[in-house]
Protein backbone atom coordinates (compact mmCIF):
# COMPACT_ATOMS: atom_id res chain seq x y z
CA MET A 1 15.32 -8.64 -19.72
CA LEU A 2 16.82 -12.14 -19.78
CA ASP A 3 20.34 -10.75 -20.17
CA TRP A 4 19.87 -8.53 -17.14
CA ALA A 5 18.43 -11.43 -15.12
CA LYS A 6 21.38 -13.67 -16.05
CA ALA A 7 23.87 -10.95 -15.07
CA TRP A 8 22.08 -10.47 -11.76
CA ALA A 9 21.97 -14.21 -11.07
CA GLN A 10 25.71 -14.57 -11.73
CA THR A 11 26.61 -11.82 -9.27
CA ALA A 12 24.04 -12.68 -6.58
CA PRO A 13 25.65 -13.60 -3.23
CA TRP A 14 23.38 -16.65 -2.91
CA LYS A 15 22.93 -19.62 -5.20
CA PRO A 16 19.59 -21.45 -5.36
CA GLU A 17 19.28 -25.12 -4.54
CA SER A 18 18.96 -27.29 -7.61
CA ALA A 19 15.40 -27.93 -8.83
CA ARG A 20 14.02 -25.48 -6.26
CA GLN A 21 10.49 -24.17 -6.76
CA LEU A 22 8.77 -21.16 -5.25
CA SER A 23 5.09 -20.38 -5.01
CA MET A 24 3.76 -16.86 -5.29
CA LEU A 25 0.32 -15.45 -4.59
CA ARG A 26 -0.60 -12.17 -6.24
CA TRP A 27 -3.78 -10.36 -7.09
CA LYS A 28 -5.53 -10.96 -10.39
CA TYR A 29 -4.52 -8.53 -13.07
CA PHE A 30 -6.75 -5.77 -14.38
CA VAL A 31 -4.76 -5.14 -17.54
CA GLN A 32 -3.59 -8.12 -19.58
CA SER A 33 -0.36 -6.38 -20.69
CA GLU A 34 0.64 -5.91 -17.01
CA ASP A 35 0.26 -9.63 -16.39
CA ASP A 36 2.16 -10.45 -19.59
CA ALA A 37 5.07 -8.24 -18.47
CA PHE A 38 5.01 -9.80 -14.99
CA VAL A 39 5.08 -13.33 -16.42
CA ALA A 40 7.99 -12.34 -18.69
CA LEU A 41 9.88 -11.08 -15.65
CA ILE A 42 9.25 -14.31 -13.74
CA ASP A 43 10.24 -16.38 -16.79
CA ALA A 44 13.53 -14.44 -17.06
CA PHE A 45 14.18 -15.15 -13.36
CA THR A 46 13.48 -18.86 -13.91
CA LYS A 47 15.77 -19.07 -16.94
CA ALA A 48 18.56 -17.21 -15.15
CA THR A 49 18.41 -19.13 -11.87
CA GLY A 50 16.74 -22.45 -12.63
CA VAL A 51 14.14 -21.72 -9.92
CA LYS A 52 10.58 -22.25 -11.13
CA VAL A 53 7.98 -19.85 -9.74
CA ASN A 54 4.38 -21.04 -9.64
CA ILE A 55 2.03 -18.04 -9.69
CA SER A 56 -1.44 -18.18 -8.15
CA ARG A 57 -3.85 -15.30 -8.63
CA GLU A 58 -6.58 -14.27 -6.21
CA SER A 59 -8.91 -11.32 -6.06
CA TYR A 60 -7.29 -8.32 -4.40
CA GLU A 61 -9.53 -8.64 -1.34
CA ASP A 62 -8.39 -12.24 -0.72
CA VAL A 63 -4.63 -11.66 -0.76
CA GLN A 64 -4.33 -10.07 2.71
CA PRO A 65 -6.43 -12.73 4.55
CA LYS A 66 -4.44 -15.51 2.88
CA ALA A 67 -1.17 -13.79 3.82
CA SER A 68 -2.44 -13.54 7.40
CA VAL A 69 -3.21 -17.26 7.57
CA ALA A 70 0.19 -18.10 6.05
CA ALA A 71 2.05 -15.88 8.53
CA ASN A 72 0.28 -17.40 11.53
CA THR A 73 0.43 -21.04 10.47
CA GLY A 74 3.75 -21.15 8.67
CA ALA A 75 2.04 -22.72 5.64
CA GLY A 76 1.16 -21.20 2.31
CA PRO A 77 2.95 -19.53 -0.58
CA ASP A 78 6.60 -18.56 -0.35
CA LEU A 79 5.96 -15.08 -1.77
CA PHE A 80 3.06 -12.65 -1.66
CA TRP A 81 2.57 -9.79 -4.07
CA GLY A 82 0.47 -7.25 -2.24
CA LEU A 83 0.41 -3.62 -1.25
CA TYR A 84 3.36 -1.94 0.45
CA SER A 85 1.68 -2.34 3.86
CA LEU A 86 1.29 -6.13 3.73
CA PRO A 87 4.70 -7.06 5.23
CA HIS A 88 4.21 -4.67 8.13
CA LEU A 89 1.05 -6.45 9.23
CA PHE A 90 3.00 -9.62 10.07
CA SER A 91 6.54 -8.46 10.70
CA ALA A 92 6.68 -9.47 14.40
CA GLU A 93 5.34 -12.95 13.69
CA MET A 94 7.74 -13.46 10.79
CA ARG A 95 10.75 -12.29 12.84
CA ARG A 96 9.76 -14.66 15.67
CA ARG A 97 9.34 -17.51 13.21
CA GLU A 98 12.76 -16.81 11.67
CA ARG A 99 14.44 -16.77 15.10
CA CYS A 100 12.74 -20.05 15.99
CA ARG A 101 13.84 -21.63 12.72
CA ARG A 102 17.49 -20.99 13.57
CA LEU A 103 17.36 -22.40 17.10
CA PRO A 104 18.59 -25.81 18.15
CA ARG A 105 15.71 -28.28 18.44
CA GLN A 106 15.75 -28.38 22.25
CA GLU A 107 15.32 -24.59 22.43
CA VAL A 108 12.34 -24.60 20.08
CA ARG A 109 10.02 -26.24 22.61
CA ARG A 110 11.36 -24.26 25.58
CA LEU A 111 10.61 -20.94 23.87
CA GLY A 112 7.20 -22.02 22.62
CA CYS A 113 8.06 -22.05 18.94
CA ARG A 114 5.95 -24.16 16.64
CA ALA A 115 7.46 -27.35 15.28
CA ARG A 116 9.63 -27.00 12.19
């Protein structure tokens, strides 16, 4: 897995910032071997890119409300591991936030975007 991750990282069109860290929220595992495989995948990503991923685990029922709060406040984990429907619940807010992030500072207030 590490060899594949290194090959992917070398051909990726983007390069991570040095010493960058990401936070991820995912549901608690039901099967230990699934979590072991997931951690191995994240470790291979970290070794290949130098980007550390901090994993937090919540009960399945708590992931969607926490994603909702993060989408509406702009604070929270960088990544969410949820069901396939999770991104579609917040897509309009995330697109608006991304547009606002790219605007010049004077346009941010005029359009009602939250502060960066």
